[in-house]
Amino acid sequence: IAGLAGRVVTGLHICRGNRASMWHREGTY
């Protein structure tokens, strides 16, 4: 995303797995 500031909103998503209501990883941030 370098150089995109001001041209688009940038986001990053972090999760622990989500397929078919399952989770795949454990651990706090």
PDB file of all heavy atoms in Angstrom:
ATOM      1  N   ILE A   1       0.812  -1.231   0.000  1.00  0.00           N
ATOM      2  CA  ILE A   1       0.000   0.000   0.000  1.00  0.00           C
ATOM      3  C   ILE A   1       0.839   1.271   0.000  1.00  0.00           C
ATOM      4  O   ILE A   1       0.284   2.374   0.076  1.00  0.00           O
ATOM      5  CB  ILE A   1      -0.954   0.021   1.202  1.00  0.00           C
ATOM      6  CG1 ILE A   1      -0.153   0.016   2.512  1.00  0.00           C
ATOM      7  CG2 ILE A   1      -1.919  -1.154   1.150  1.00  0.00           C
ATOM      8  CD1 ILE A   1      -0.944   0.478   3.716  1.00  0.00           C
ATOM      9  N   ALA A   2       2.146   1.156  -0.090  1.00  0.00           N
ATOM     10  CA  ALA A   2       3.012   2.332  -0.044  1.00  0.00           C
ATOM     11  C   ALA A   2       2.620   3.321  -1.139  1.00  0.00           C
ATOM     12  O   ALA A   2       2.441   2.957  -2.298  1.00  0.00           O
ATOM     13  CB  ALA A   2       4.468   1.911  -0.210  1.00  0.00           C
ATOM     14  N   GLY A   3       2.476   4.585  -0.752  1.00  0.00           N
ATOM     15  CA  GLY A   3       2.158   5.627  -1.719  1.00  0.00           C
ATOM     16  C   GLY A   3       0.690   5.800  -2.022  1.00  0.00           C
ATOM     17  O   GLY A   3       0.317   6.681  -2.800  1.00  0.00           O
ATOM     18  N   LEU A   4      -0.179   4.978  -1.415  1.00  0.00           N
ATOM     19  CA  LEU A   4      -1.617   5.058  -1.695  1.00  0.00           C
ATOM     20  C   LEU A   4      -2.366   5.971  -0.727  1.00  0.00           C
ATOM     21  O   LEU A   4      -3.564   6.198  -0.901  1.00  0.00           O
ATOM     22  CB  LEU A   4      -2.245   3.662  -1.653  1.00  0.00           C
ATOM     23  CG  LEU A   4      -1.744   2.651  -2.681  1.00  0.00           C
ATOM     24  CD1 LEU A   4      -2.490   1.328  -2.530  1.00  0.00           C
ATOM     25  CD2 LEU A   4      -1.897   3.187  -4.100  1.00  0.00           C
ATOM     26  N   ALA A   5      -1.676   6.493   0.270  1.00  0.00           N
ATOM     27  CA  ALA A   5      -2.329   7.339   1.269  1.00  0.00           C
ATOM     28  C   ALA A   5      -3.025   8.523   0.603  1.00  0.00           C
ATOM     29  O   ALA A   5      -2.456   9.192  -0.263  1.00  0.00           O
ATOM     30  CB  ALA A   5      -1.299   7.843   2.283  1.00  0.00           C
ATOM     31  N   GLY A   6      -4.269   8.748   1.019  1.00  0.00           N
ATOM     32  CA  GLY A   6      -5.039   9.852   0.482  1.00  0.00           C
ATOM     33  C   GLY A   6      -5.805   9.528  -0.777  1.00  0.00           C
ATOM     34  O   GLY A   6      -6.716  10.260  -1.170  1.00  0.00           O
ATOM     35  N   ARG A   7      -5.457   8.421  -1.416  1.00  0.00           N
ATOM     36  CA  ARG A   7      -6.140   8.012  -2.641  1.00  0.00           C
ATOM     37  C   ARG A   7      -7.184   6.939  -2.386  1.00  0.00           C
ATOM     38  O   ARG A   7      -8.122   6.774  -3.158  1.00  0.00           O
ATOM     39  CB  ARG A   7      -5.122   7.499  -3.668  1.00  0.00           C
ATOM     40  CG  ARG A   7      -4.091   8.534  -4.098  1.00  0.00           C
ATOM     41  CD  ARG A   7      -2.948   7.890  -4.853  1.00  0.00           C
ATOM     42  NE  ARG A   7      -3.422   7.153  -6.018  1.00  0.00           N
ATOM     43  CZ  ARG A   7      -2.673   6.252  -6.677  1.00  0.00           C
ATOM     44  NH1 ARG A   7      -1.440   5.974  -6.255  1.00  0.00           N
ATOM     45  NH2 ARG A   7      -3.170   5.632  -7.721  1.00  0.00           N
ATOM     46  N   VAL A   8      -7.022   6.180  -1.319  1.00  0.00           N
ATOM     47  CA  VAL A   8      -7.903   5.073  -0.986  1.00  0.00           C
ATOM     48  C   VAL A   8      -7.770   4.807   0.511  1.00  0.00           C
ATOM     49  O   VAL A   8      -6.709   5.052   1.096  1.00  0.00           O
ATOM     50  CB  VAL A   8      -7.523   3.811  -1.798  1.00  0.00           C
ATOM     51  CG1 VAL A   8      -6.126   3.316  -1.427  1.00  0.00           C
ATOM     52  CG2 VAL A   8      -8.543   2.688  -1.610  1.00  0.00           C
ATOM     53  N   VAL A   9      -8.835   4.345   1.148  1.00  0.00           N
ATOM     54  CA  VAL A   9      -8.758   3.894   2.535  1.00  0.00           C
ATOM     55  C   VAL A   9      -8.147   2.500   2.532  1.00  0.00           C
ATOM     56  O   VAL A   9      -8.555   1.634   1.746  1.00  0.00           O
ATOM     57  CB  VAL A   9     -10.144   3.864   3.197  1.00  0.00           C
ATOM     58  CG1 VAL A   9     -10.057   3.263   4.604  1.00  0.00           C
ATOM     59  CG2 VAL A   9     -10.731   5.264   3.258  1.00  0.00           C
ATOM     60  N   THR A  10      -7.162   2.278   3.377  1.00  0.00           N
ATOM     61  CA  THR A  10      -6.522   0.964   3.449  1.00  0.00           C
ATOM     62  C   THR A  10      -6.829   0.311   4.789  1.00  0.00           C
ATOM     63  O   THR A  10      -6.811   0.954   5.833  1.00  0.00           O
ATOM     64  CB  THR A  10      -4.997   1.079   3.282  1.00  0.00           C
ATOM     65  OG1 THR A  10      -4.464   1.961   4.280  1.00  0.00           O
ATOM     66  CG2 THR A  10      -4.653   1.606   1.893  1.00  0.00           C
ATOM     67  N   GLY A  11      -7.125  -0.983   4.747  1.00  0.00           N
ATOM     68  CA  GLY A  11      -7.409  -1.734   5.959  1.00  0.00           C
ATOM     69  C   GLY A  11      -6.705  -3.072   5.938  1.00  0.00           C
ATOM     70  O   GLY A  11      -6.379  -3.594   4.861  1.00  0.00           O
ATOM     71  N   LEU A  12      -6.453  -3.618   7.101  1.00  0.00           N
ATOM     72  CA  LEU A  12      -5.871  -4.952   7.209  1.00  0.00           C
ATOM     73  C   LEU A  12      -6.644  -5.723   8.269  1.00  0.00           C
ATOM     74  O   LEU A  12      -6.861  -5.219   9.372  1.00  0.00           O
ATOM     75  CB  LEU A  12      -4.384  -4.888   7.554  1.00  0.00           C
ATOM     76  CG  LEU A  12      -3.678  -6.246   7.547  1.00  0.00           C
ATOM     77  CD1 LEU A  12      -2.289  -6.152   6.901  1.00  0.00           C
ATOM     78  CD2 LEU A  12      -3.545  -6.825   8.961  1.00  0.00           C
ATOM     79  N   HIS A  13      -7.047  -6.940   7.897  1.00  0.00           N
ATOM     80  CA  HIS A  13      -7.883  -7.754   8.771  1.00  0.00           C
ATOM     81  C   HIS A  13      -7.106  -8.949   9.302  1.00  0.00           C
ATOM     82  O   HIS A  13      -6.396  -9.628   8.553  1.00  0.00           O
ATOM     83  CB  HIS A  13      -9.118  -8.241   7.993  1.00  0.00           C
ATOM     84  CG  HIS A  13      -9.916  -9.268   8.725  1.00  0.00           C
ATOM     85  ND1 HIS A  13     -10.095 -10.556   8.264  1.00  0.00           N
ATOM     86  CD2 HIS A  13     -10.579  -9.202   9.904  1.00  0.00           C
ATOM     87  CE1 HIS A  13     -10.830 -11.230   9.124  1.00  0.00           C
ATOM     88  NE2 HIS A  13     -11.141 -10.442  10.121  1.00  0.00           N
ATOM     89  N   ILE A  14      -7.256  -9.220  10.602  1.00  0.00           N
ATOM     90  CA  ILE A  14      -6.587 -10.337  11.261  1.00  0.00           C
ATOM     91  C   ILE A  14      -7.631 -11.198  11.976  1.00  0.00           C
ATOM     92  O   ILE A  14      -8.469 -10.681  12.722  1.00  0.00           O
ATOM     93  CB  ILE A  14      -5.555  -9.841  12.292  1.00  0.00           C
ATOM     94  CG1 ILE A  14      -4.490  -8.980  11.615  1.00  0.00           C
ATOM     95  CG2 ILE A  14      -4.896 -11.025  13.010  1.00  0.00           C
ATOM     96  CD1 ILE A  14      -3.514  -8.333  12.597  1.00  0.00           C
ATOM     97  N   CYS A  15      -7.586 -12.517  11.736  1.00  0.00           N
ATOM     98  CA  CYS A  15      -8.510 -13.415  12.428  1.00  0.00           C
ATOM     99  C   CYS A  15      -7.818 -14.748  12.716  1.00  0.00           C
ATOM    100  O   CYS A  15      -6.636 -14.927  12.419  1.00  0.00           O
ATOM    101  CB  CYS A  15      -9.789 -13.628  11.616  1.00  0.00           C
ATOM    102  SG  CYS A  15      -9.581 -14.676  10.160  1.00  0.00           S
ATOM    103  N   ARG A  16      -8.557 -15.675  13.267  1.00  0.00           N
ATOM    104  CA  ARG A  16      -8.015 -16.980  13.658  1.00  0.00           C
ATOM    105  C   ARG A  16      -8.674 -18.130  12.890  1.00  0.00           C
ATOM    106  O   ARG A  16      -8.684 -19.256  13.364  1.00  0.00           O
ATOM    107  CB  ARG A  16      -8.189 -17.172  15.170  1.00  0.00           C
ATOM    108  CG  ARG A  16      -7.289 -16.260  15.989  1.00  0.00           C
ATOM    109  CD  ARG A  16      -7.760 -16.058  17.415  1.00  0.00           C
ATOM    110  NE  ARG A  16      -6.845 -15.162  18.116  1.00  0.00           N
ATOM    111  CZ  ARG A  16      -6.791 -13.849  17.943  1.00  0.00           C
ATOM    112  NH1 ARG A  16      -7.628 -13.257  17.097  1.00  0.00           N
ATOM    113  NH2 ARG A  16      -5.912 -13.109  18.602  1.00  0.00           N
ATOM    114  N   GLY A  17      -9.198 -17.846  11.724  1.00  0.00           N
ATOM    115  CA  GLY A  17      -9.879 -18.860  10.932  1.00  0.00           C
ATOM    116  C   GLY A  17     -11.382 -18.687  11.030  1.00  0.00           C
ATOM    117  O   GLY A  17     -11.913 -18.309  12.076  1.00  0.00           O
ATOM    118  N   ASN A  18     -12.090 -18.983   9.926  1.00  0.00           N
ATOM    119  CA  ASN A  18     -13.507 -18.663   9.897  1.00  0.00           C
ATOM    120  C   ASN A  18     -14.318 -19.640   9.052  1.00  0.00           C
ATOM    121  O   ASN A  18     -15.530 -19.516   8.956  1.00  0.00           O
ATOM    122  CB  ASN A  18     -13.680 -17.238   9.347  1.00  0.00           C
ATOM    123  CG  ASN A  18     -15.084 -16.712   9.456  1.00  0.00           C
ATOM    124  OD1 ASN A  18     -15.640 -16.644  10.545  1.00  0.00           O
ATOM    125  ND2 ASN A  18     -15.672 -16.318   8.328  1.00  0.00           N
ATOM    126  N   ARG A  19     -13.675 -20.602   8.415  1.00  0.00           N
ATOM    127  CA  ARG A  19     -14.374 -21.461   7.461  1.00  0.00           C
ATOM    128  C   ARG A  19     -15.439 -22.318   8.142  1.00  0.00           C
ATOM    129  O   ARG A  19     -15.173 -23.011   9.107  1.00  0.00           O
ATOM    130  CB  ARG A  19     -13.357 -22.359   6.738  1.00  0.00           C
ATOM    131  CG  ARG A  19     -13.958 -23.267   5.678  1.00  0.00           C
ATOM    132  CD  ARG A  19     -12.870 -23.918   4.840  1.00  0.00           C
ATOM    133  NE  ARG A  19     -12.005 -24.766   5.624  1.00  0.00           N
ATOM    134  CZ  ARG A  19     -12.184 -26.078   5.782  1.00  0.00           C
ATOM    135  NH1 ARG A  19     -13.221 -26.665   5.223  1.00  0.00           N
ATOM    136  NH2 ARG A  19     -11.342 -26.790   6.480  1.00  0.00           N
ATOM    137  N   ALA A  20     -16.666 -22.246   7.598  1.00  0.00           N
ATOM    138  CA  ALA A  20     -17.787 -23.068   8.077  1.00  0.00           C
ATOM    139  C   ALA A  20     -17.951 -22.989   9.597  1.00  0.00           C
ATOM    140  O   ALA A  20     -18.178 -23.991  10.269  1.00  0.00           O
ATOM    141  CB  ALA A  20     -17.597 -24.517   7.640  1.00  0.00           C
ATOM    142  N   SER A  21     -17.819 -21.759  10.126  1.00  0.00           N
ATOM    143  CA  SER A  21     -17.985 -21.496  11.564  1.00  0.00           C
ATOM    144  C   SER A  21     -16.910 -22.138  12.428  1.00  0.00           C
ATOM    145  O   SER A  21     -17.068 -22.241  13.647  1.00  0.00           O
ATOM    146  CB  SER A  21     -19.383 -21.936  12.060  1.00  0.00           C
ATOM    147  OG  SER A  21     -20.382 -21.104  11.511  1.00  0.00           O
ATOM    148  N   MET A  22     -15.820 -22.583  11.813  1.00  0.00           N
ATOM    149  CA  MET A  22     -14.726 -23.182  12.584  1.00  0.00           C
ATOM    150  C   MET A  22     -13.635 -22.154  12.842  1.00  0.00           C
ATOM    151  O   MET A  22     -13.579 -21.113  12.210  1.00  0.00           O
ATOM    152  CB  MET A  22     -14.149 -24.384  11.818  1.00  0.00           C
ATOM    153  CG  MET A  22     -15.129 -25.525  11.625  1.00  0.00           C
ATOM    154  SD  MET A  22     -14.394 -26.968  10.808  1.00  0.00           S
ATOM    155  CE  MET A  22     -14.212 -26.353   9.132  1.00  0.00           C
ATOM    156  N   TRP A  23     -12.765 -22.453  13.778  1.00  0.00           N
ATOM    157  CA  TRP A  23     -11.576 -21.641  13.991  1.00  0.00           C
ATOM    158  C   TRP A  23     -10.366 -22.549  13.894  1.00  0.00           C
ATOM    159  O   TRP A  23     -10.453 -23.763  14.096  1.00  0.00           O
ATOM    160  CB  TRP A  23     -11.623 -20.933  15.357  1.00  0.00           C
ATOM    161  CG  TRP A  23     -11.907 -21.832  16.519  1.00  0.00           C
ATOM    162  CD1 TRP A  23     -13.122 -22.161  17.017  1.00  0.00           C
ATOM    163  CD2 TRP A  23     -10.945 -22.520  17.338  1.00  0.00           C
ATOM    164  NE1 TRP A  23     -12.995 -23.020  18.088  1.00  0.00           N
ATOM    165  CE2 TRP A  23     -11.672 -23.247  18.306  1.00  0.00           C
ATOM    166  CE3 TRP A  23      -9.550 -22.592  17.355  1.00  0.00           C
ATOM    167  CZ2 TRP A  23     -11.048 -24.031  19.271  1.00  0.00           C
ATOM    168  CZ3 TRP A  23      -8.926 -23.372  18.309  1.00  0.00           C
ATOM    169  CH2 TRP A  23      -9.671 -24.077  19.261  1.00  0.00           C
ATOM    170  N   HIS A  24      -9.223 -21.989  13.556  1.00  0.00           N
ATOM    171  CA  HIS A  24      -8.056 -22.806  13.234  1.00  0.00           C
ATOM    172  C   HIS A  24      -6.819 -22.483  14.065  1.00  0.00           C
ATOM    173  O   HIS A  24      -5.867 -23.254  14.070  1.00  0.00           O
ATOM    174  CB  HIS A  24      -7.712 -22.649  11.749  1.00  0.00           C
ATOM    175  CG  HIS A  24      -8.881 -22.899  10.849  1.00  0.00           C
ATOM    176  ND1 HIS A  24      -9.424 -24.158  10.668  1.00  0.00           N
ATOM    177  CD2 HIS A  24      -9.640 -22.064  10.112  1.00  0.00           C
ATOM    178  CE1 HIS A  24     -10.458 -24.076   9.842  1.00  0.00           C
ATOM    179  NE2 HIS A  24     -10.612 -22.814   9.500  1.00  0.00           N
ATOM    180  N   ARG A  25      -6.829 -21.327  14.743  1.00  0.00           N
ATOM    181  CA  ARG A  25      -5.654 -20.946  15.515  1.00  0.00           C
ATOM    182  C   ARG A  25      -6.075 -20.361  16.854  1.00  0.00           C
ATOM    183  O   ARG A  25      -7.185 -19.858  17.009  1.00  0.00           O
ATOM    184  CB  ARG A  25      -4.816 -19.916  14.743  1.00  0.00           C
ATOM    185  CG  ARG A  25      -4.060 -20.544  13.571  1.00  0.00           C
ATOM    186  CD  ARG A  25      -3.424 -19.490  12.700  1.00  0.00           C
ATOM    187  NE  ARG A  25      -2.541 -20.095  11.707  1.00  0.00           N
ATOM    188  CZ  ARG A  25      -2.025 -19.454  10.680  1.00  0.00           C
ATOM    189  NH1 ARG A  25      -2.300 -18.178  10.499  1.00  0.00           N
ATOM    190  NH2 ARG A  25      -1.229 -20.061   9.836  1.00  0.00           N
ATOM    191  N   GLU A  26      -5.140 -20.427  17.814  1.00  0.00           N
ATOM    192  CA  GLU A  26      -5.359 -19.859  19.133  1.00  0.00           C
ATOM    193  C   GLU A  26      -4.219 -18.901  19.457  1.00  0.00           C
ATOM    194  O   GLU A  26      -3.149 -18.974  18.859  1.00  0.00           O
ATOM    195  CB  GLU A  26      -5.405 -20.957  20.197  1.00  0.00           C
ATOM    196  CG  GLU A  26      -6.591 -21.903  20.070  1.00  0.00           C
ATOM    197  CD  GLU A  26      -6.607 -22.938  21.183  1.00  0.00           C
ATOM    198  OE1 GLU A  26      -5.517 -23.297  21.649  1.00  0.00           O
ATOM    199  OE2 GLU A  26      -7.697 -23.375  21.579  1.00  0.00           O
ATOM    200  N   GLY A  27      -4.466 -18.046  20.418  1.00  0.00           N
ATOM    201  CA  GLY A  27      -3.399 -17.147  20.854  1.00  0.00           C
ATOM    202  C   GLY A  27      -3.846 -15.706  20.865  1.00  0.00           C
ATOM    203  O   GLY A  27      -4.522 -15.246  19.950  1.00  0.00           O
ATOM    204  N   THR A  28      -3.457 -14.981  21.914  1.00  0.00           N
ATOM    205  CA  THR A  28      -3.826 -13.580  22.046  1.00  0.00           C
ATOM    206  C   THR A  28      -2.868 -12.707  21.233  1.00  0.00           C
ATOM    207  O   THR A  28      -1.848 -13.170  20.723  1.00  0.00           O
ATOM    208  CB  THR A  28      -3.781 -13.156  23.521  1.00  0.00           C
ATOM    209  OG1 THR A  28      -2.410 -13.141  23.957  1.00  0.00           O
ATOM    210  CG2 THR A  28      -4.580 -14.125  24.385  1.00  0.00           C
ATOM    211  N   TYR A  29      -3.194 -11.416  21.149  1.00  0.00           N
ATOM    212  CA  TYR A  29      -2.372 -10.482  20.378  1.00  0.00           C
ATOM    213  C   TYR A  29      -1.114 -10.026  21.117  1.00  0.00           C
ATOM    214  O   TYR A  29      -0.243  -9.389  20.517  1.00  0.00           O
ATOM    215  CB  TYR A  29      -3.193  -9.229  20.040  1.00  0.00           C
ATOM    216  CG  TYR A  29      -4.361  -9.473  19.129  1.00  0.00           C
ATOM    217  CD1 TYR A  29      -5.661  -9.454  19.632  1.00  0.00           C
ATOM    218  CD2 TYR A  29      -4.184  -9.702  17.775  1.00  0.00           C
ATOM    219  CE1 TYR A  29      -6.754  -9.664  18.813  1.00  0.00           C
ATOM    220  CE2 TYR A  29      -5.268  -9.915  16.936  1.00  0.00           C
ATOM    221  CZ  TYR A  29      -6.550  -9.904  17.458  1.00  0.00           C
ATOM    222  OH  TYR A  29      -7.630 -10.113  16.630  1.00  0.00           O
TER     223      TYR A  29
END
